[in-house]
């Protein structure tokens, strides 16, 4: 297994679609975590304001272990947010975790 970073980019004006699709998106992350392969995940708010959800998101960041970059790309491209049009595209890169030790 190797770590990969997935950077997903949100389309404008997709807060409703994001909210509607969130349970399915989180279920996939839960499954990845239960398998012991999720290292880090979360959204990237547009603002640091306490009510960041009202402003929307730049996208999401996921760091997880997969067998190959092809497997990581396939997983990322099958995300419910991608299928619902929330993500315009996803970038996948190999990642070498150094910290925390």
PDB file of N, CA and C in Angstrom:
ATOM      1  N   UNK A   1       0.847  -1.187   0.000  1.00  0.00           N
ATOM      2  CA  UNK A   1       0.000   0.000   0.000  1.00  0.00           C
ATOM      3  C   UNK A   1       0.884   1.239   0.000  1.00  0.00           C
ATOM      4  N   UNK A   2       0.414   2.244  -0.694  1.00  0.00           N
ATOM      5  CA  UNK A   2       1.114   3.518  -0.747  1.00  0.00           C
ATOM      6  C   UNK A   2       0.114   4.633  -0.474  1.00  0.00           C
ATOM      7  N   UNK A   3       0.581   5.711   0.124  1.00  0.00           N
ATOM      8  CA  UNK A   3      -0.286   6.854   0.407  1.00  0.00           C
ATOM      9  C   UNK A   3      -0.418   7.735  -0.828  1.00  0.00           C
ATOM     10  N   UNK A   4      -1.613   8.305  -0.967  1.00  0.00           N
ATOM     11  CA  UNK A   4      -1.903   9.245  -2.044  1.00  0.00           C
ATOM     12  C   UNK A   4      -2.692  10.405  -1.465  1.00  0.00           C
ATOM     13  N   UNK A   5      -2.473  11.584  -2.026  1.00  0.00           N
ATOM     14  CA  UNK A   5      -3.262  12.742  -1.644  1.00  0.00           C
ATOM     15  C   UNK A   5      -4.240  13.006  -2.789  1.00  0.00           C
ATOM     16  N   UNK A   6      -5.480  13.208  -2.403  1.00  0.00           N
ATOM     17  CA  UNK A   6      -6.539  13.513  -3.364  1.00  0.00           C
ATOM     18  C   UNK A   6      -7.008  14.932  -3.068  1.00  0.00           C
ATOM     19  N   UNK A   7      -6.898  15.801  -4.063  1.00  0.00           N
ATOM     20  CA  UNK A   7      -7.377  17.173  -3.943  1.00  0.00           C
ATOM     21  C   UNK A   7      -8.555  17.309  -4.895  1.00  0.00           C
ATOM     22  N   UNK A   8      -9.729  17.486  -4.326  1.00  0.00           N
ATOM     23  CA  UNK A   8     -10.951  17.594  -5.116  1.00  0.00           C
ATOM     24  C   UNK A   8     -11.395  19.054  -5.136  1.00  0.00           C
ATOM     25  N   UNK A   9     -11.774  19.537  -6.308  1.00  0.00           N
ATOM     26  CA  UNK A   9     -12.114  20.947  -6.506  1.00  0.00           C
ATOM     27  C   UNK A   9     -13.623  21.101  -6.699  1.00  0.00           C
ATOM     28  N   UNK A  10     -14.241  21.933  -5.859  1.00  0.00           N
ATOM     29  CA  UNK A  10     -15.686  22.155  -5.940  1.00  0.00           C
ATOM     30  C   UNK A  10     -16.052  23.100  -7.083  1.00  0.00           C
ATOM     31  N   UNK A  11     -17.182  22.827  -7.699  1.00  0.00           N
ATOM     32  CA  UNK A  11     -17.780  23.742  -8.666  1.00  0.00           C
ATOM     33  C   UNK A  11     -18.480  24.858  -7.881  1.00  0.00           C
ATOM     34  N   UNK A  12     -18.654  26.019  -8.493  1.00  0.00           N
ATOM     35  CA  UNK A  12     -19.382  27.092  -7.801  1.00  0.00           C
ATOM     36  C   UNK A  12     -20.843  26.708  -7.562  1.00  0.00           C
ATOM     37  N   UNK A  13     -21.400  27.275  -6.517  1.00  0.00           N
ATOM     38  CA  UNK A  13     -22.832  27.144  -6.226  1.00  0.00           C
ATOM     39  C   UNK A  13     -23.297  25.695  -6.110  1.00  0.00           C
ATOM     40  N   UNK A  14     -22.554  24.884  -5.381  1.00  0.00           N
ATOM     41  CA  UNK A  14     -22.930  23.476  -5.242  1.00  0.00           C
ATOM     42  C   UNK A  14     -23.196  23.081  -3.782  1.00  0.00           C
ATOM     43  N   UNK A  15     -23.470  24.070  -2.932  1.00  0.00           N
ATOM     44  CA  UNK A  15     -23.704  23.765  -1.517  1.00  0.00           C
ATOM     45  C   UNK A  15     -24.901  22.828  -1.314  1.00  0.00           C
ATOM     46  N   UNK A  16     -25.974  23.035  -2.058  1.00  0.00           N
ATOM     47  CA  UNK A  16     -27.143  22.166  -1.908  1.00  0.00           C
ATOM     48  C   UNK A  16     -26.813  20.731  -2.316  1.00  0.00           C
ATOM     49  N   UNK A  17     -26.124  20.575  -3.435  1.00  0.00           N
ATOM     50  CA  UNK A  17     -25.753  19.236  -3.901  1.00  0.00           C
ATOM     51  C   UNK A  17     -24.779  18.593  -2.924  1.00  0.00           C
ATOM     52  N   UNK A  18     -23.871  19.395  -2.362  1.00  0.00           N
ATOM     53  CA  UNK A  18     -22.911  18.881  -1.383  1.00  0.00           C
ATOM     54  C   UNK A  18     -23.650  18.357  -0.157  1.00  0.00           C
ATOM     55  N   UNK A  19     -24.597  19.142   0.342  1.00  0.00           N
ATOM     56  CA  UNK A  19     -25.347  18.737   1.537  1.00  0.00           C
ATOM     57  C   UNK A  19     -26.177  17.474   1.269  1.00  0.00           C
ATOM     58  N   UNK A  20     -26.790  17.403   0.106  1.00  0.00           N
ATOM     59  CA  UNK A  20     -27.629  16.250  -0.226  1.00  0.00           C
ATOM     60  C   UNK A  20     -26.811  14.972  -0.393  1.00  0.00           C
ATOM     61  N   UNK A  21     -25.584  15.118  -0.856  1.00  0.00           N
ATOM     62  CA  UNK A  21     -24.746  13.967  -1.170  1.00  0.00           C
ATOM     63  C   UNK A  21     -23.804  13.598  -0.024  1.00  0.00           C
ATOM     64  N   UNK A  22     -23.718  14.449   0.985  1.00  0.00           N
ATOM     65  CA  UNK A  22     -22.760  14.256   2.076  1.00  0.00           C
ATOM     66  C   UNK A  22     -22.847  12.891   2.759  1.00  0.00           C
ATOM     67  N   UNK A  23     -24.038  12.374   3.085  1.00  0.00           N
ATOM     68  CA  UNK A  23     -24.078  11.058   3.746  1.00  0.00           C
ATOM     69  C   UNK A  23     -23.399   9.956   2.928  1.00  0.00           C
ATOM     70  N   UNK A  24     -23.605   9.934   1.636  1.00  0.00           N
ATOM     71  CA  UNK A  24     -22.978   8.912   0.786  1.00  0.00           C
ATOM     72  C   UNK A  24     -21.467   9.131   0.708  1.00  0.00           C
ATOM     73  N   UNK A  25     -21.051  10.376   0.638  1.00  0.00           N
ATOM     74  CA  UNK A  25     -19.618  10.714   0.609  1.00  0.00           C
ATOM     75  C   UNK A  25     -18.948  10.246   1.906  1.00  0.00           C
ATOM     76  N   UNK A  26     -19.581  10.550   3.042  1.00  0.00           N
ATOM     77  CA  UNK A  26     -19.002  10.166   4.334  1.00  0.00           C
ATOM     78  C   UNK A  26     -19.000   8.651   4.529  1.00  0.00           C
ATOM     79  N   UNK A  27     -19.989   7.960   3.998  1.00  0.00           N
ATOM     80  CA  UNK A  27     -20.026   6.503   4.116  1.00  0.00           C
ATOM     81  C   UNK A  27     -18.812   5.873   3.441  1.00  0.00           C
ATOM     82  N   UNK A  28     -18.384   6.412   2.309  1.00  0.00           N
ATOM     83  CA  UNK A  28     -17.198   5.888   1.631  1.00  0.00           C
ATOM     84  C   UNK A  28     -15.938   6.153   2.455  1.00  0.00           C
ATOM     85  N   UNK A  29     -15.873   7.342   3.063  1.00  0.00           N
ATOM     86  CA  UNK A  29     -14.724   7.656   3.919  1.00  0.00           C
ATOM     87  C   UNK A  29     -14.726   6.774   5.161  1.00  0.00           C
ATOM     88  N   UNK A  30     -15.908   6.530   5.724  1.00  0.00           N
ATOM     89  CA  UNK A  30     -16.011   5.630   6.881  1.00  0.00           C
ATOM     90  C   UNK A  30     -15.484   4.239   6.534  1.00  0.00           C
ATOM     91  N   UNK A  31     -15.852   3.739   5.360  1.00  0.00           N
ATOM     92  CA  UNK A  31     -15.398   2.413   4.937  1.00  0.00           C
ATOM     93  C   UNK A  31     -13.885   2.382   4.766  1.00  0.00           C
ATOM     94  N   UNK A  32     -13.324   3.453   4.209  1.00  0.00           N
ATOM     95  CA  UNK A  32     -11.872   3.542   4.044  1.00  0.00           C
ATOM     96  C   UNK A  32     -11.182   3.574   5.405  1.00  0.00           C
ATOM     97  N   UNK A  33     -11.785   4.306   6.360  1.00  0.00           N
ATOM     98  CA  UNK A  33     -11.221   4.373   7.706  1.00  0.00           C
ATOM     99  C   UNK A  33     -11.315   3.023   8.403  1.00  0.00           C
ATOM    100  N   UNK A  34     -12.450   2.352   8.287  1.00  0.00           N
ATOM    101  CA  UNK A  34     -12.624   1.049   8.925  1.00  0.00           C
ATOM    102  C   UNK A  34     -11.638   0.014   8.375  1.00  0.00           C
ATOM    103  N   UNK A  35     -11.241   0.188   7.111  1.00  0.00           N
ATOM    104  CA  UNK A  35     -10.253  -0.714   6.505  1.00  0.00           C
ATOM    105  C   UNK A  35      -8.826  -0.345   6.922  1.00  0.00           C
ATOM    106  N   UNK A  36      -8.680   0.774   7.654  1.00  0.00           N
ATOM    107  CA  UNK A  36      -7.368   1.196   8.122  1.00  0.00           C
ATOM    108  C   UNK A  36      -6.540   1.943   7.086  1.00  0.00           C
ATOM    109  N   UNK A  37      -7.198   2.498   6.052  1.00  0.00           N
ATOM    110  CA  UNK A  37      -6.462   3.141   4.966  1.00  0.00           C
ATOM    111  C   UNK A  37      -6.618   4.661   4.904  1.00  0.00           C
ATOM    112  N   UNK A  38      -7.493   5.229   5.715  1.00  0.00           N
ATOM    113  CA  UNK A  38      -7.693   6.674   5.698  1.00  0.00           C
ATOM    114  C   UNK A  38      -6.725   7.338   6.671  1.00  0.00           C
ATOM    115  N   UNK A  39      -5.930   8.273   6.184  1.00  0.00           N
ATOM    116  CA  UNK A  39      -4.973   8.983   7.034  1.00  0.00           C
ATOM    117  C   UNK A  39      -5.493  10.348   7.457  1.00  0.00           C
ATOM    118  N   UNK A  40      -6.249  11.008   6.561  1.00  0.00           N
ATOM    119  CA  UNK A  40      -6.714  12.371   6.824  1.00  0.00           C
ATOM    120  C   UNK A  40      -7.763  12.729   5.785  1.00  0.00           C
ATOM    121  N   UNK A  41      -8.792  13.460   6.187  1.00  0.00           N
ATOM    122  CA  UNK A  41      -9.792  13.914   5.219  1.00  0.00           C
ATOM    123  C   UNK A  41     -10.556  15.096   5.783  1.00  0.00           C
ATOM    124  N   UNK A  42     -10.958  15.996   4.898  1.00  0.00           N
ATOM    125  CA  UNK A  42     -11.787  17.117   5.310  1.00  0.00           C
ATOM    126  C   UNK A  42     -11.987  18.115   4.196  1.00  0.00           C
ATOM    127  N   UNK A  43     -12.977  18.987   4.378  1.00  0.00           N
ATOM    128  CA  UNK A  43     -13.260  20.015   3.383  1.00  0.00           C
ATOM    129  C   UNK A  43     -12.334  21.217   3.548  1.00  0.00           C
ATOM    130  N   UNK A  44     -12.243  22.011   2.485  1.00  0.00           N
ATOM    131  CA  UNK A  44     -11.437  23.234   2.500  1.00  0.00           C
ATOM    132  C   UNK A  44     -12.383  24.425   2.326  1.00  0.00           C
ATOM    133  N   UNK A  45     -12.819  25.032   3.457  1.00  0.00           N
ATOM    134  CA  UNK A  45     -13.755  26.160   3.378  1.00  0.00           C
ATOM    135  C   UNK A  45     -13.148  27.360   2.652  1.00  0.00           C
ATOM    136  N   UNK A  46     -14.008  28.134   2.026  1.00  0.00           N
ATOM    137  CA  UNK A  46     -13.564  29.338   1.320  1.00  0.00           C
ATOM    138  C   UNK A  46     -13.086  30.390   2.310  1.00  0.00           C
ATOM    139  N   UNK A  47     -13.664  30.394   3.504  1.00  0.00           N
ATOM    140  CA  UNK A  47     -13.315  31.407   4.496  1.00  0.00           C
ATOM    141  C   UNK A  47     -13.042  30.758   5.847  1.00  0.00           C
ATOM    142  N   UNK A  48     -12.337  31.462   6.703  1.00  0.00           N
ATOM    143  CA  UNK A  48     -12.098  30.961   8.053  1.00  0.00           C
ATOM    144  C   UNK A  48     -13.208  31.407   9.007  1.00  0.00           C
ATOM    145  N   UNK A  49     -14.209  32.089   8.501  1.00  0.00           N
ATOM    146  CA  UNK A  49     -15.337  32.548   9.304  1.00  0.00           C
ATOM    147  C   UNK A  49     -15.983  31.355  10.020  1.00  0.00           C
ATOM    148  N   UNK A  50     -16.477  31.548  11.252  1.00  0.00           N
ATOM    149  CA  UNK A  50     -17.099  30.439  11.984  1.00  0.00           C
ATOM    150  C   UNK A  50     -18.231  29.748  11.217  1.00  0.00           C
ATOM    151  N   UNK A  51     -18.944  30.494  10.380  1.00  0.00           N
ATOM    152  CA  UNK A  51     -20.013  29.897   9.576  1.00  0.00           C
ATOM    153  C   UNK A  51     -19.489  29.655   8.158  1.00  0.00           C
ATOM    154  N   UNK A  52     -18.407  28.913   8.079  1.00  0.00           N
ATOM    155  CA  UNK A  52     -17.742  28.689   6.788  1.00  0.00           C
ATOM    156  C   UNK A  52     -18.655  28.000   5.787  1.00  0.00           C
ATOM    157  N   UNK A  53     -19.577  27.176   6.260  1.00  0.00           N
ATOM    158  CA  UNK A  53     -20.434  26.449   5.319  1.00  0.00           C
ATOM    159  C   UNK A  53     -21.284  27.393   4.486  1.00  0.00           C
ATOM    160  N   UNK A  54     -21.633  28.546   5.009  1.00  0.00           N
ATOM    161  CA  UNK A  54     -22.446  29.497   4.253  1.00  0.00           C
ATOM    162  C   UNK A  54     -21.680  30.059   3.061  1.00  0.00           C
ATOM    163  N   UNK A  55     -20.364  30.151   3.170  1.00  0.00           N
ATOM    164  CA  UNK A  55     -19.549  30.687   2.085  1.00  0.00           C
ATOM    165  C   UNK A  55     -19.214  29.632   1.044  1.00  0.00           C
ATOM    166  N   UNK A  56     -19.292  28.369   1.413  1.00  0.00           N
ATOM    167  CA  UNK A  56     -18.974  27.302   0.476  1.00  0.00           C
ATOM    168  C   UNK A  56     -17.572  26.764   0.685  1.00  0.00           C
ATOM    169  N   UNK A  57     -17.142  25.975  -0.277  1.00  0.00           N
ATOM    170  CA  UNK A  57     -15.867  25.273  -0.154  1.00  0.00           C
ATOM    171  C   UNK A  57     -15.063  25.359  -1.447  1.00  0.00           C
ATOM    172  N   UNK A  58     -13.741  25.350  -1.270  1.00  0.00           N
ATOM    173  CA  UNK A  58     -12.843  25.205  -2.420  1.00  0.00           C
ATOM    174  C   UNK A  58     -12.887  23.766  -2.906  1.00  0.00           C
ATOM    175  N   UNK A  59     -13.070  22.834  -1.965  1.00  0.00           N
ATOM    176  CA  UNK A  59     -13.073  21.412  -2.287  1.00  0.00           C
ATOM    177  C   UNK A  59     -12.761  20.593  -1.058  1.00  0.00           C
ATOM    178  N   UNK A  60     -12.133  19.451  -1.294  1.00  0.00           N
ATOM    179  CA  UNK A  60     -11.818  18.526  -0.206  1.00  0.00           C
ATOM    180  C   UNK A  60     -10.396  18.001  -0.366  1.00  0.00           C
ATOM    181  N   UNK A  61      -9.827  17.593   0.770  1.00  0.00           N
ATOM    182  CA  UNK A  61      -8.505  16.980   0.788  1.00  0.00           C
ATOM    183  C   UNK A  61      -8.628  15.624   1.474  1.00  0.00           C
ATOM    184  N   UNK A  62      -8.122  14.599   0.809  1.00  0.00           N
ATOM    185  CA  UNK A  62      -8.145  13.247   1.362  1.00  0.00           C
ATOM    186  C   UNK A  62      -6.752  12.662   1.207  1.00  0.00           C
ATOM    187  N   UNK A  63      -6.229  12.097   2.282  1.00  0.00           N
ATOM    188  CA  UNK A  63      -4.963  11.366   2.223  1.00  0.00           C
ATOM    189  C   UNK A  63      -5.273   9.951   2.671  1.00  0.00           C
ATOM    190  N   UNK A  64      -4.996   8.998   1.782  1.00  0.00           N
ATOM    191  CA  UNK A  64      -5.344   7.607   2.076  1.00  0.00           C
ATOM    192  C   UNK A  64      -4.393   6.667   1.353  1.00  0.00           C
ATOM    193  N   UNK A  65      -4.409   5.427   1.797  1.00  0.00           N
ATOM    194  CA  UNK A  65      -3.560   4.398   1.197  1.00  0.00           C
ATOM    195  C   UNK A  65      -4.363   3.576   0.188  1.00  0.00           C
ATOM    196  N   UNK A  66      -3.722   3.334  -0.957  1.00  0.00           N
ATOM    197  CA  UNK A  66      -4.307   2.515  -2.017  1.00  0.00           C
ATOM    198  C   UNK A  66      -3.206   1.633  -2.594  1.00  0.00           C
ATOM    199  N   UNK A  67      -3.606   0.618  -3.324  1.00  0.00           N
ATOM    200  CA  UNK A  67      -2.650  -0.301  -3.952  1.00  0.00           C
ATOM    201  C   UNK A  67      -1.830   0.369  -5.049  1.00  0.00           C
ATOM    202  N   UNK A  68      -2.432   1.355  -5.742  1.00  0.00           N
ATOM    203  CA  UNK A  68      -1.757   2.009  -6.866  1.00  0.00           C
ATOM    204  C   UNK A  68      -2.405   3.362  -7.117  1.00  0.00           C
ATOM    205  N   UNK A  69      -1.750   4.166  -7.937  1.00  0.00           N
ATOM    206  CA  UNK A  69      -2.338   5.453  -8.295  1.00  0.00           C
ATOM    207  C   UNK A  69      -3.614   5.258  -9.108  1.00  0.00           C
ATOM    208  N   UNK A  70      -3.654   4.196  -9.912  1.00  0.00           N
ATOM    209  CA  UNK A  70      -4.875   3.909 -10.670  1.00  0.00           C
ATOM    210  C   UNK A  70      -6.034   3.589  -9.736  1.00  0.00           C
ATOM    211  N   UNK A  71      -5.750   2.836  -8.670  1.00  0.00           N
ATOM    212  CA  UNK A  71      -6.794   2.520  -7.691  1.00  0.00           C
ATOM    213  C   UNK A  71      -7.237   3.787  -6.960  1.00  0.00           C
ATOM    214  N   UNK A  72      -6.309   4.657  -6.627  1.00  0.00           N
ATOM    215  CA  UNK A  72      -6.650   5.917  -5.956  1.00  0.00           C
ATOM    216  C   UNK A  72      -7.496   6.796  -6.874  1.00  0.00           C
ATOM    217  N   UNK A  73      -7.123   6.887  -8.144  1.00  0.00           N
ATOM    218  CA  UNK A  73      -7.903   7.688  -9.100  1.00  0.00           C
ATOM    219  C   UNK A  73      -9.302   7.110  -9.291  1.00  0.00           C
ATOM    220  N   UNK A  74      -9.393   5.797  -9.405  1.00  0.00           N
ATOM    221  CA  UNK A  74     -10.704   5.167  -9.580  1.00  0.00           C
ATOM    222  C   UNK A  74     -11.591   5.447  -8.372  1.00  0.00           C
ATOM    223  N   UNK A  75     -11.026   5.326  -7.173  1.00  0.00           N
ATOM    224  CA  UNK A  75     -11.786   5.598  -5.958  1.00  0.00           C
ATOM    225  C   UNK A  75     -12.246   7.053  -5.942  1.00  0.00           C
ATOM    226  N   UNK A  76     -11.341   7.980  -6.236  1.00  0.00           N
ATOM    227  CA  UNK A  76     -11.666   9.411  -6.211  1.00  0.00           C
ATOM    228  C   UNK A  76     -12.734   9.763  -7.244  1.00  0.00           C
ATOM    229  N   UNK A  77     -12.628   9.200  -8.425  1.00  0.00           N
ATOM    230  CA  UNK A  77     -13.574   9.525  -9.490  1.00  0.00           C
ATOM    231  C   UNK A  77     -14.947   8.901  -9.286  1.00  0.00           C
ATOM    232  N   UNK A  78     -15.054   7.933  -8.372  1.00  0.00           N
ATOM    233  CA  UNK A  78     -16.345   7.318  -8.058  1.00  0.00           C
ATOM    234  C   UNK A  78     -17.014   7.981  -6.851  1.00  0.00           C
ATOM    235  N   UNK A  79     -16.428   9.056  -6.335  1.00  0.00           N
ATOM    236  CA  UNK A  79     -17.000   9.728  -5.171  1.00  0.00           C
ATOM    237  C   UNK A  79     -18.382  10.288  -5.510  1.00  0.00           C
ATOM    238  N   UNK A  80     -19.335  10.150  -4.599  1.00  0.00           N
ATOM    239  CA  UNK A  80     -20.670  10.713  -4.842  1.00  0.00           C
ATOM    240  C   UNK A  80     -20.653  12.217  -5.137  1.00  0.00           C
ATOM    241  N   UNK A  81     -19.728  12.953  -4.541  1.00  0.00           N
ATOM    242  CA  UNK A  81     -19.631  14.384  -4.854  1.00  0.00           C
ATOM    243  C   UNK A  81     -19.265  14.593  -6.327  1.00  0.00           C
ATOM    244  N   UNK A  82     -18.394  13.772  -6.853  1.00  0.00           N
ATOM    245  CA  UNK A  82     -18.016  13.881  -8.272  1.00  0.00           C
ATOM    246  C   UNK A  82     -19.212  13.550  -9.145  1.00  0.00           C
ATOM    247  N   UNK A  83     -19.896  12.470  -8.805  1.00  0.00           N
ATOM    248  CA  UNK A  83     -21.059  12.038  -9.578  1.00  0.00           C
ATOM    249  C   UNK A  83     -22.195  13.060  -9.522  1.00  0.00           C
ATOM    250  N   UNK A  84     -22.315  13.818  -8.417  1.00  0.00           N
ATOM    251  CA  UNK A  84     -23.373  14.821  -8.258  1.00  0.00           C
ATOM    252  C   UNK A  84     -22.985  16.180  -8.841  1.00  0.00           C
ATOM    253  N   UNK A  85     -21.762  16.294  -9.352  1.00  0.00           N
ATOM    254  CA  UNK A  85     -21.326  17.561  -9.930  1.00  0.00           C
ATOM    255  C   UNK A  85     -20.768  18.551  -8.930  1.00  0.00           C
ATOM    256  N   UNK A  86     -20.597  18.129  -7.681  1.00  0.00           N
ATOM    257  CA  UNK A  86     -19.990  19.006  -6.679  1.00  0.00           C
ATOM    258  C   UNK A  86     -18.520  19.227  -7.030  1.00  0.00           C
ATOM    259  N   UNK A  87     -17.812  18.150  -7.328  1.00  0.00           N
ATOM    260  CA  UNK A  87     -16.407  18.263  -7.723  1.00  0.00           C
ATOM    261  C   UNK A  87     -16.325  18.467  -9.231  1.00  0.00           C
ATOM    262  N   UNK A  88     -15.576  19.484  -9.634  1.00  0.00           N
ATOM    263  CA  UNK A  88     -15.330  19.674 -11.065  1.00  0.00           C
ATOM    264  C   UNK A  88     -14.284  18.679 -11.547  1.00  0.00           C
ATOM    265  N   UNK A  89     -13.280  18.461 -10.704  1.00  0.00           N
ATOM    266  CA  UNK A  89     -12.236  17.479 -11.015  1.00  0.00           C
ATOM    267  C   UNK A  89     -11.471  17.144  -9.750  1.00  0.00           C
ATOM    268  N   UNK A  90     -10.743  16.035  -9.823  1.00  0.00           N
ATOM    269  CA  UNK A  90      -9.900  15.622  -8.706  1.00  0.00           C
ATOM    270  C   UNK A  90      -8.487  15.404  -9.209  1.00  0.00           C
ATOM    271  N   UNK A  91      -7.541  15.805  -8.391  1.00  0.00           N
ATOM    272  CA  UNK A  91      -6.127  15.550  -8.662  1.00  0.00           C
ATOM    273  C   UNK A  91      -5.648  14.511  -7.663  1.00  0.00           C
ATOM    274  N   UNK A  92      -4.854  13.572  -8.124  1.00  0.00           N
ATOM    275  CA  UNK A  92      -4.332  12.508  -7.263  1.00  0.00           C
ATOM    276  C   UNK A  92      -2.815  12.481  -7.414  1.00  0.00           C
ATOM    277  N   UNK A  93      -2.113  12.507  -6.275  1.00  0.00           N
ATOM    278  CA  UNK A  93      -0.660  12.501  -6.271  1.00  0.00           C
ATOM    279  C   UNK A  93      -0.136  11.466  -5.282  1.00  0.00           C
ATOM    280  N   UNK A  94       0.966  10.816  -5.594  1.00  0.00           N
ATOM    281  CA  UNK A  94       1.624   9.994  -4.575  1.00  0.00           C
ATOM    282  C   UNK A  94       2.033  10.900  -3.412  1.00  0.00           C
ATOM    283  N   UNK A  95       2.043  10.332  -2.221  1.00  0.00           N
ATOM    284  CA  UNK A  95       2.340  11.115  -1.025  1.00  0.00           C
ATOM    285  C   UNK A  95       3.198  10.286  -0.088  1.00  0.00           C
ATOM    286  N   UNK A  96       4.201  10.926   0.489  1.00  0.00           N
ATOM    287  CA  UNK A  96       5.070  10.249   1.436  1.00  0.00           C
ATOM    288  C   UNK A  96       4.882  10.888   2.816  1.00  0.00           C
ATOM    289  N   UNK A  97       4.109  10.260   3.690  1.00  0.00           N
ATOM    290  CA  UNK A  97       3.919  10.815   5.031  1.00  0.00           C
ATOM    291  C   UNK A  97       5.248  10.837   5.810  1.00  0.00           C
ATOM    292  N   UNK A  98       5.533  11.966   6.412  1.00  0.00           N
ATOM    293  CA  UNK A  98       6.734  12.109   7.245  1.00  0.00           C
ATOM    294  C   UNK A  98       6.331  12.434   8.689  1.00  0.00           C
ATOM    295  N   UNK A  99       5.382  13.342   8.853  1.00  0.00           N
ATOM    296  CA  UNK A  99       4.873  13.728  10.174  1.00  0.00           C
ATOM    297  C   UNK A  99       3.383  13.588  10.182  1.00  0.00           C
ATOM    298  N   UNK A 100       2.770  13.261  11.336  1.00  0.00           N
ATOM    299  CA  UNK A 100       3.417  12.925  12.581  1.00  0.00           C
ATOM    300  C   UNK A 100       4.126  11.559  12.482  1.00  0.00           C
ATOM    301  N   UNK A 101       5.131  11.418  13.326  1.00  0.00           N
ATOM    302  CA  UNK A 101       5.924  10.180  13.337  1.00  0.00           C
ATOM    303  C   UNK A 101       5.153   9.079  13.996  1.00  0.00           C
TER     304      UNK A 101
END
